[in-house]
Amino acid sequence: MFTVTVCAACGEAVFPPRALCPSCGGREWRTVEAGAGTVEETTERDGVRIASVRTDVGPIVVARATAGYAAGDVVRLESEGGVPVAGR
């Protein structure tokens, strides 16, 4: 399961977690699952595929991609040792 933090005051979702909300300055957070998203960009570096994924709750996450995805593909997001991973 992959999660992001959401400001308890204004509902702004952020990743990575922050001390203060960038929208309202709030300090209280809750965690929500961001289980899916849409690939915006992909690249490969040293044999590792990487995808920028706009999560279903808002923030963009840079994730390791398990396959060669293209912009517009819908992927599932998981966390492996704290690292975001995009797969089907």
PDB file of N, CA and C in Angstrom:
ATOM      1  N   MET A   1       0.837  -1.174   0.000  1.00  0.00           N
ATOM      2  CA  MET A   1       0.000   0.000   0.000  1.00  0.00           C
ATOM      3  C   MET A   1       0.894   1.254   0.000  1.00  0.00           C
ATOM      4  N   PHE A   2       0.553   2.209  -0.859  1.00  0.00           N
ATOM      5  CA  PHE A   2       1.276   3.474  -0.929  1.00  0.00           C
ATOM      6  C   PHE A   2       0.387   4.572  -0.364  1.00  0.00           C
ATOM      7  N   THR A   3       0.949   5.425   0.497  1.00  0.00           N
ATOM      8  CA  THR A   3       0.165   6.482   1.122  1.00  0.00           C
ATOM      9  C   THR A   3       0.795   7.854   0.909  1.00  0.00           C
ATOM     10  N   VAL A   4      -0.049   8.869   0.990  1.00  0.00           N
ATOM     11  CA  VAL A   4       0.392  10.264   0.993  1.00  0.00           C
ATOM     12  C   VAL A   4      -0.241  10.931   2.204  1.00  0.00           C
ATOM     13  N   THR A   5       0.269  12.097   2.572  1.00  0.00           N
ATOM     14  CA  THR A   5      -0.296  12.828   3.696  1.00  0.00           C
ATOM     15  C   THR A   5      -1.236  13.907   3.184  1.00  0.00           C
ATOM     16  N   VAL A   6      -2.296  14.144   3.963  1.00  0.00           N
ATOM     17  CA  VAL A   6      -3.318  15.130   3.617  1.00  0.00           C
ATOM     18  C   VAL A   6      -3.489  16.068   4.803  1.00  0.00           C
ATOM     19  N   CYS A   7      -3.493  17.365   4.536  1.00  0.00           N
ATOM     20  CA  CYS A   7      -3.669  18.364   5.582  1.00  0.00           C
ATOM     21  C   CYS A   7      -5.055  18.229   6.196  1.00  0.00           C
ATOM     22  N   ALA A   8      -5.105  18.148   7.521  1.00  0.00           N
ATOM     23  CA  ALA A   8      -6.381  18.018   8.218  1.00  0.00           C
ATOM     24  C   ALA A   8      -7.195  19.305   8.134  1.00  0.00           C
ATOM     25  N   ALA A   9      -6.538  20.442   7.934  1.00  0.00           N
ATOM     26  CA  ALA A   9      -7.243  21.726   7.897  1.00  0.00           C
ATOM     27  C   ALA A   9      -7.869  22.018   6.540  1.00  0.00           C
ATOM     28  N   CYS A  10      -7.100  21.836   5.450  1.00  0.00           N
ATOM     29  CA  CYS A  10      -7.604  22.257   4.136  1.00  0.00           C
ATOM     30  C   CYS A  10      -7.773  21.119   3.128  1.00  0.00           C
ATOM     31  N   GLY A  11      -7.250  19.924   3.441  1.00  0.00           N
ATOM     32  CA  GLY A  11      -7.407  18.781   2.545  1.00  0.00           C
ATOM     33  C   GLY A  11      -6.370  18.671   1.445  1.00  0.00           C
ATOM     34  N   GLU A  12      -5.331  19.508   1.446  1.00  0.00           N
ATOM     35  CA  GLU A  12      -4.261  19.448   0.443  1.00  0.00           C
ATOM     36  C   GLU A  12      -3.450  18.170   0.629  1.00  0.00           C
ATOM     37  N   ALA A  13      -3.332  17.364  -0.435  1.00  0.00           N
ATOM     38  CA  ALA A  13      -2.525  16.143  -0.391  1.00  0.00           C
ATOM     39  C   ALA A  13      -1.111  16.480  -0.851  1.00  0.00           C
ATOM     40  N   VAL A  14      -0.101  15.950  -0.143  1.00  0.00           N
ATOM     41  CA  VAL A  14       1.290  16.235  -0.483  1.00  0.00           C
ATOM     42  C   VAL A  14       2.131  14.967  -0.436  1.00  0.00           C
ATOM     43  N   PHE A  15       3.181  14.987  -1.224  1.00  0.00           N
ATOM     44  CA  PHE A  15       4.200  13.942  -1.181  1.00  0.00           C
ATOM     45  C   PHE A  15       5.495  14.572  -1.672  1.00  0.00           C
ATOM     46  N   PRO A  16       6.571  14.400  -0.948  1.00  0.00           N
ATOM     47  CA  PRO A  16       6.721  13.681   0.320  1.00  0.00           C
ATOM     48  C   PRO A  16       6.091  14.460   1.474  1.00  0.00           C
ATOM     49  N   PRO A  17       5.978  13.810   2.650  1.00  0.00           N
ATOM     50  CA  PRO A  17       5.402  14.479   3.817  1.00  0.00           C
ATOM     51  C   PRO A  17       6.180  15.751   4.164  1.00  0.00           C
ATOM     52  N   ARG A  18       5.472  16.720   4.717  1.00  0.00           N
ATOM     53  CA  ARG A  18       6.082  18.004   5.075  1.00  0.00           C
ATOM     54  C   ARG A  18       5.692  18.383   6.494  1.00  0.00           C
ATOM     55  N   ALA A  19       6.439  19.305   7.069  1.00  0.00           N
ATOM     56  CA  ALA A  19       6.131  19.792   8.416  1.00  0.00           C
ATOM     57  C   ALA A  19       4.910  20.707   8.394  1.00  0.00           C
ATOM     58  N   LEU A  20       4.822  21.553   7.354  1.00  0.00           N
ATOM     59  CA  LEU A  20       3.721  22.505   7.219  1.00  0.00           C
ATOM     60  C   LEU A  20       3.037  22.329   5.872  1.00  0.00           C
ATOM     61  N   CYS A  21       1.738  22.534   5.847  1.00  0.00           N
ATOM     62  CA  CYS A  21       0.984  22.459   4.598  1.00  0.00           C
ATOM     63  C   CYS A  21       1.379  23.628   3.701  1.00  0.00           C
ATOM     64  N   PRO A  22       1.704  23.366   2.427  1.00  0.00           N
ATOM     65  CA  PRO A  22       2.089  24.449   1.521  1.00  0.00           C
ATOM     66  C   PRO A  22       0.914  25.361   1.151  1.00  0.00           C
ATOM     67  N   SER A  23      -0.314  24.904   1.376  1.00  0.00           N
ATOM     68  CA  SER A  23      -1.484  25.716   1.033  1.00  0.00           C
ATOM     69  C   SER A  23      -1.930  26.627   2.174  1.00  0.00           C
ATOM     70  N   CYS A  24      -2.013  26.071   3.388  1.00  0.00           N
ATOM     71  CA  CYS A  24      -2.581  26.849   4.497  1.00  0.00           C
ATOM     72  C   CYS A  24      -1.666  26.992   5.710  1.00  0.00           C
ATOM     73  N   GLY A  25      -0.531  26.292   5.703  1.00  0.00           N
ATOM     74  CA  GLY A  25       0.376  26.362   6.846  1.00  0.00           C
ATOM     75  C   GLY A  25      -0.013  25.441   7.988  1.00  0.00           C
ATOM     76  N   GLY A  26      -1.027  24.601   7.771  1.00  0.00           N
ATOM     77  CA  GLY A  26      -1.468  23.682   8.822  1.00  0.00           C
ATOM     78  C   GLY A  26      -0.378  22.707   9.238  1.00  0.00           C
ATOM     79  N   ARG A  27      -0.512  22.215  10.468  1.00  0.00           N
ATOM     80  CA  ARG A  27       0.492  21.293  11.013  1.00  0.00           C
ATOM     81  C   ARG A  27      -0.058  19.910  11.314  1.00  0.00           C
ATOM     82  N   GLU A  28      -1.346  19.734  11.155  1.00  0.00           N
ATOM     83  CA  GLU A  28      -1.984  18.450  11.437  1.00  0.00           C
ATOM     84  C   GLU A  28      -2.181  17.697  10.126  1.00  0.00           C
ATOM     85  N   TRP A  29      -1.792  16.416  10.140  1.00  0.00           N
ATOM     86  CA  TRP A  29      -1.850  15.604   8.928  1.00  0.00           C
ATOM     87  C   TRP A  29      -2.578  14.302   9.193  1.00  0.00           C
ATOM     88  N   ARG A  30      -3.172  13.747   8.132  1.00  0.00           N
ATOM     89  CA  ARG A  30      -3.704  12.387   8.160  1.00  0.00           C
ATOM     90  C   ARG A  30      -3.123  11.664   6.955  1.00  0.00           C
ATOM     91  N   THR A  31      -3.110  10.373   6.986  1.00  0.00           N
ATOM     92  CA  THR A  31      -2.553   9.567   5.905  1.00  0.00           C
ATOM     93  C   THR A  31      -3.694   8.920   5.132  1.00  0.00           C
ATOM     94  N   VAL A  32      -3.596   8.981   3.789  1.00  0.00           N
ATOM     95  CA  VAL A  32      -4.591   8.326   2.943  1.00  0.00           C
ATOM     96  C   VAL A  32      -3.879   7.458   1.912  1.00  0.00           C
ATOM     97  N   GLU A  33      -4.565   6.413   1.491  1.00  0.00           N
ATOM     98  CA  GLU A  33      -4.002   5.547   0.465  1.00  0.00           C
ATOM     99  C   GLU A  33      -4.083   6.226  -0.898  1.00  0.00           C
ATOM    100  N   ALA A  34      -2.990   6.163  -1.635  1.00  0.00           N
ATOM    101  CA  ALA A  34      -2.940   6.643  -3.019  1.00  0.00           C
ATOM    102  C   ALA A  34      -2.610   5.426  -3.863  1.00  0.00           C
ATOM    103  N   GLY A  35      -3.592   4.587  -4.079  1.00  0.00           N
ATOM    104  CA  GLY A  35      -3.360   3.293  -4.683  1.00  0.00           C
ATOM    105  C   GLY A  35      -3.218   3.259  -6.187  1.00  0.00           C
ATOM    106  N   ALA A  36      -3.582   4.361  -6.862  1.00  0.00           N
ATOM    107  CA  ALA A  36      -3.504   4.361  -8.321  1.00  0.00           C
ATOM    108  C   ALA A  36      -3.173   5.755  -8.816  1.00  0.00           C
ATOM    109  N   GLY A  37      -2.774   5.818 -10.079  1.00  0.00           N
ATOM    110  CA  GLY A  37      -2.464   7.105 -10.681  1.00  0.00           C
ATOM    111  C   GLY A  37      -2.261   6.959 -12.176  1.00  0.00           C
ATOM    112  N   THR A  38      -1.997   8.084 -12.809  1.00  0.00           N
ATOM    113  CA  THR A  38      -1.806   8.133 -14.250  1.00  0.00           C
ATOM    114  C   THR A  38      -0.382   8.560 -14.560  1.00  0.00           C
ATOM    115  N   VAL A  39       0.286   7.792 -15.418  1.00  0.00           N
ATOM    116  CA  VAL A  39       1.661   8.105 -15.795  1.00  0.00           C
ATOM    117  C   VAL A  39       1.674   9.405 -16.602  1.00  0.00           C
ATOM    118  N   GLU A  40       2.545  10.332 -16.208  1.00  0.00           N
ATOM    119  CA  GLU A  40       2.697  11.578 -16.944  1.00  0.00           C
ATOM    120  C   GLU A  40       3.954  11.559 -17.813  1.00  0.00           C
ATOM    121  N   GLU A  41       5.041  11.009 -17.281  1.00  0.00           N
ATOM    122  CA  GLU A  41       6.306  10.920 -18.020  1.00  0.00           C
ATOM    123  C   GLU A  41       7.046   9.668 -17.594  1.00  0.00           C
ATOM    124  N   THR A  42       7.933   9.187 -18.475  1.00  0.00           N
ATOM    125  CA  THR A  42       8.784   8.055 -18.128  1.00  0.00           C
ATOM    126  C   THR A  42      10.195   8.308 -18.625  1.00  0.00           C
ATOM    127  N   THR A  43      11.128   7.631 -17.992  1.00  0.00           N
ATOM    128  CA  THR A  43      12.518   7.665 -18.434  1.00  0.00           C
ATOM    129  C   THR A  43      13.191   6.403 -17.935  1.00  0.00           C
ATOM    130  N   GLU A  44      14.394   6.180 -18.398  1.00  0.00           N
ATOM    131  CA  GLU A  44      15.176   5.040 -17.921  1.00  0.00           C
ATOM    132  C   GLU A  44      16.578   5.529 -17.617  1.00  0.00           C
ATOM    133  N   ARG A  45      17.093   5.116 -16.478  1.00  0.00           N
ATOM    134  CA  ARG A  45      18.429   5.524 -16.057  1.00  0.00           C
ATOM    135  C   ARG A  45      19.162   4.305 -15.530  1.00  0.00           C
ATOM    136  N   ASP A  46      20.305   3.994 -16.123  1.00  0.00           N
ATOM    137  CA  ASP A  46      21.119   2.855 -15.691  1.00  0.00           C
ATOM    138  C   ASP A  46      20.296   1.572 -15.586  1.00  0.00           C
ATOM    139  N   GLY A  47      19.400   1.362 -16.550  1.00  0.00           N
ATOM    140  CA  GLY A  47      18.592   0.151 -16.597  1.00  0.00           C
ATOM    141  C   GLY A  47      17.386   0.143 -15.672  1.00  0.00           C
ATOM    142  N   VAL A  48      17.138   1.256 -14.979  1.00  0.00           N
ATOM    143  CA  VAL A  48      15.989   1.351 -14.077  1.00  0.00           C
ATOM    144  C   VAL A  48      14.940   2.250 -14.714  1.00  0.00           C
ATOM    145  N   ARG A  49      13.726   1.729 -14.856  1.00  0.00           N
ATOM    146  CA  ARG A  49      12.630   2.529 -15.407  1.00  0.00           C
ATOM    147  C   ARG A  49      12.032   3.393 -14.303  1.00  0.00           C
ATOM    148  N   ILE A  50      11.754   4.658 -14.641  1.00  0.00           N
ATOM    149  CA  ILE A  50      11.195   5.609 -13.679  1.00  0.00           C
ATOM    150  C   ILE A  50       9.990   6.279 -14.324  1.00  0.00           C
ATOM    151  N   ALA A  51       8.937   6.476 -13.538  1.00  0.00           N
ATOM    152  CA  ALA A  51       7.733   7.129 -14.044  1.00  0.00           C
ATOM    153  C   ALA A  51       7.285   8.221 -13.087  1.00  0.00           C
ATOM    154  N   SER A  52       6.885   9.362 -13.634  1.00  0.00           N
ATOM    155  CA  SER A  52       6.194  10.392 -12.853  1.00  0.00           C
ATOM    156  C   SER A  52       4.721  10.044 -12.923  1.00  0.00           C
ATOM    157  N   VAL A  53       4.118   9.819 -11.762  1.00  0.00           N
ATOM    158  CA  VAL A  53       2.730   9.365 -11.694  1.00  0.00           C
ATOM    159  C   VAL A  53       1.908  10.375 -10.905  1.00  0.00           C
ATOM    160  N   ARG A  54       0.847  10.909 -11.536  1.00  0.00           N
ATOM    161  CA  ARG A  54      -0.090  11.770 -10.806  1.00  0.00           C
ATOM    162  C   ARG A  54      -1.046  10.851 -10.073  1.00  0.00           C
ATOM    163  N   THR A  55      -0.982  10.877  -8.738  1.00  0.00           N
ATOM    164  CA  THR A  55      -1.806   9.983  -7.934  1.00  0.00           C
ATOM    165  C   THR A  55      -3.273  10.345  -8.033  1.00  0.00           C
ATOM    166  N   ASP A  56      -4.120   9.405  -7.685  1.00  0.00           N
ATOM    167  CA  ASP A  56      -5.555   9.641  -7.716  1.00  0.00           C
ATOM    168  C   ASP A  56      -6.010  10.656  -6.673  1.00  0.00           C
ATOM    169  N   VAL A  57      -5.139  11.001  -5.730  1.00  0.00           N
ATOM    170  CA  VAL A  57      -5.471  12.023  -4.730  1.00  0.00           C
ATOM    171  C   VAL A  57      -4.751  13.348  -4.983  1.00  0.00           C
ATOM    172  N   GLY A  58      -3.945  13.425  -6.059  1.00  0.00           N
ATOM    173  CA  GLY A  58      -3.386  14.713  -6.454  1.00  0.00           C
ATOM    174  C   GLY A  58      -1.904  14.833  -6.690  1.00  0.00           C
ATOM    175  N   PRO A  59      -1.053  14.570  -5.677  1.00  0.00           N
ATOM    176  CA  PRO A  59       0.363  14.844  -5.886  1.00  0.00           C
ATOM    177  C   PRO A  59       1.029  13.928  -6.909  1.00  0.00           C
ATOM    178  N   ILE A  60       2.075  14.444  -7.528  1.00  0.00           N
ATOM    179  CA  ILE A  60       2.885  13.648  -8.458  1.00  0.00           C
ATOM    180  C   ILE A  60       3.972  12.934  -7.668  1.00  0.00           C
ATOM    181  N   VAL A  61       4.152  11.656  -7.978  1.00  0.00           N
ATOM    182  CA  VAL A  61       5.142  10.816  -7.310  1.00  0.00           C
ATOM    183  C   VAL A  61       6.098  10.283  -8.367  1.00  0.00           C
ATOM    184  N   VAL A  62       7.383  10.328  -8.083  1.00  0.00           N
ATOM    185  CA  VAL A  62       8.375   9.695  -8.949  1.00  0.00           C
ATOM    186  C   VAL A  62       8.564   8.277  -8.423  1.00  0.00           C
ATOM    187  N   ALA A  63       8.239   7.297  -9.276  1.00  0.00           N
ATOM    188  CA  ALA A  63       8.219   5.899  -8.842  1.00  0.00           C
ATOM    189  C   ALA A  63       9.051   5.024  -9.769  1.00  0.00           C
ATOM    190  N   ARG A  64       9.564   3.929  -9.212  1.00  0.00           N
ATOM    191  CA  ARG A  64      10.198   2.912 -10.044  1.00  0.00           C
ATOM    192  C   ARG A  64       9.090   2.202 -10.799  1.00  0.00           C
ATOM    193  N   ALA A  65       9.249   2.045 -12.106  1.00  0.00           N
ATOM    194  CA  ALA A  65       8.227   1.407 -12.934  1.00  0.00           C
ATOM    195  C   ALA A  65       8.602  -0.049 -13.176  1.00  0.00           C
ATOM    196  N   THR A  66       7.617  -0.936 -13.061  1.00  0.00           N
ATOM    197  CA  THR A  66       7.878  -2.368 -13.233  1.00  0.00           C
ATOM    198  C   THR A  66       7.864  -2.789 -14.697  1.00  0.00           C
ATOM    199  N   ALA A  67       7.425  -1.882 -15.588  1.00  0.00           N
ATOM    200  CA  ALA A  67       7.385  -2.182 -17.022  1.00  0.00           C
ATOM    201  C   ALA A  67       7.524  -0.872 -17.794  1.00  0.00           C
ATOM    202  N   GLY A  68       7.543  -0.976 -19.107  1.00  0.00           N
ATOM    203  CA  GLY A  68       7.663   0.206 -19.951  1.00  0.00           C
ATOM    204  C   GLY A  68       6.330   0.879 -20.163  1.00  0.00           C
ATOM    205  N   TYR A  69       5.920   1.733 -19.258  1.00  0.00           N
ATOM    206  CA  TYR A  69       4.648   2.425 -19.370  1.00  0.00           C
ATOM    207  C   TYR A  69       4.794   3.671 -20.227  1.00  0.00           C
ATOM    208  N   ALA A  70       3.660   4.163 -20.715  1.00  0.00           N
ATOM    209  CA  ALA A  70       3.630   5.379 -21.528  1.00  0.00           C
ATOM    210  C   ALA A  70       2.722   6.394 -20.853  1.00  0.00           C
ATOM    211  N   ALA A  71       2.892   7.661 -21.226  1.00  0.00           N
ATOM    212  CA  ALA A  71       2.033   8.716 -20.693  1.00  0.00           C
ATOM    213  C   ALA A  71       0.578   8.343 -20.928  1.00  0.00           C
ATOM    214  N   GLY A  72      -0.232   8.512 -19.894  1.00  0.00           N
ATOM    215  CA  GLY A  72      -1.646   8.186 -19.978  1.00  0.00           C
ATOM    216  C   GLY A  72      -2.019   6.823 -19.413  1.00  0.00           C
ATOM    217  N   ASP A  73      -1.033   5.941 -19.225  1.00  0.00           N
ATOM    218  CA  ASP A  73      -1.317   4.626 -18.650  1.00  0.00           C
ATOM    219  C   ASP A  73      -1.722   4.767 -17.184  1.00  0.00           C
ATOM    220  N   VAL A  74      -2.724   4.012 -16.780  1.00  0.00           N
ATOM    221  CA  VAL A  74      -3.138   3.971 -15.383  1.00  0.00           C
ATOM    222  C   VAL A  74      -2.377   2.839 -14.707  1.00  0.00           C
ATOM    223  N   VAL A  75      -1.762   3.140 -13.557  1.00  0.00           N
ATOM    224  CA  VAL A  75      -0.947   2.162 -12.836  1.00  0.00           C
ATOM    225  C   VAL A  75      -1.370   2.111 -11.374  1.00  0.00           C
ATOM    226  N   ARG A  76      -1.034   1.002 -10.724  1.00  0.00           N
ATOM    227  CA  ARG A  76      -1.203   0.862  -9.279  1.00  0.00           C
ATOM    228  C   ARG A  76       0.078   1.309  -8.614  1.00  0.00           C
ATOM    229  N   LEU A  77      -0.033   1.893  -7.445  1.00  0.00           N
ATOM    230  CA  LEU A  77       1.132   2.314  -6.676  1.00  0.00           C
ATOM    231  C   LEU A  77       1.250   1.460  -5.423  1.00  0.00           C
ATOM    232  N   GLU A  78       2.453   0.995  -5.181  1.00  0.00           N
ATOM    233  CA  GLU A  78       2.778   0.225  -3.983  1.00  0.00           C
ATOM    234  C   GLU A  78       4.021   0.855  -3.363  1.00  0.00           C
ATOM    235  N   SER A  79       4.325   0.463  -2.163  1.00  0.00           N
ATOM    236  CA  SER A  79       5.535   0.915  -1.495  1.00  0.00           C
ATOM    237  C   SER A  79       6.385  -0.307  -1.186  1.00  0.00           C
ATOM    238  N   GLU A  80       7.635  -0.282  -1.638  1.00  0.00           N
ATOM    239  CA  GLU A  80       8.576  -1.362  -1.336  1.00  0.00           C
ATOM    240  C   GLU A  80       9.738  -0.757  -0.562  1.00  0.00           C
ATOM    241  N   GLY A  81       9.750  -0.980   0.737  1.00  0.00           N
ATOM    242  CA  GLY A  81      10.793  -0.432   1.567  1.00  0.00           C
ATOM    243  C   GLY A  81      10.785   1.092   1.583  1.00  0.00           C
ATOM    244  N   GLY A  82       9.603   1.692   1.461  1.00  0.00           N
ATOM    245  CA  GLY A  82       9.473   3.133   1.451  1.00  0.00           C
ATOM    246  C   GLY A  82       9.645   3.778   0.078  1.00  0.00           C
ATOM    247  N   VAL A  83       9.944   2.960  -0.936  1.00  0.00           N
ATOM    248  CA  VAL A  83      10.131   3.458  -2.292  1.00  0.00           C
ATOM    249  C   VAL A  83       8.848   3.254  -3.101  1.00  0.00           C
ATOM    250  N   PRO A  84       8.312   4.308  -3.740  1.00  0.00           N
ATOM    251  CA  PRO A  84       7.124   4.128  -4.571  1.00  0.00           C
ATOM    252  C   PRO A  84       7.419   3.267  -5.788  1.00  0.00           C
ATOM    253  N   VAL A  85       6.529   2.326  -6.095  1.00  0.00           N
ATOM    254  CA  VAL A  85       6.680   1.441  -7.253  1.00  0.00           C
ATOM    255  C   VAL A  85       5.371   1.451  -8.032  1.00  0.00           C
ATOM    256  N   ALA A  86       5.469   1.707  -9.341  1.00  0.00           N
ATOM    257  CA  ALA A  86       4.303   1.720 -10.227  1.00  0.00           C
ATOM    258  C   ALA A  86       4.221   0.399 -10.973  1.00  0.00           C
ATOM    259  N   GLY A  87       3.066  -0.227 -10.931  1.00  0.00           N
ATOM    260  CA  GLY A  87       2.844  -1.496 -11.620  1.00  0.00           C
ATOM    261  C   GLY A  87       1.392  -1.627 -12.028  1.00  0.00           C
ATOM    262  N   ARG A  88       1.048  -2.753 -12.591  1.00  0.00           N
ATOM    263  CA  ARG A  88      -0.356  -2.962 -13.034  1.00  0.00           C
ATOM    264  C   ARG A  88      -1.109  -3.813 -12.050  1.00  0.00           C
TER     265      ARG A  88
END
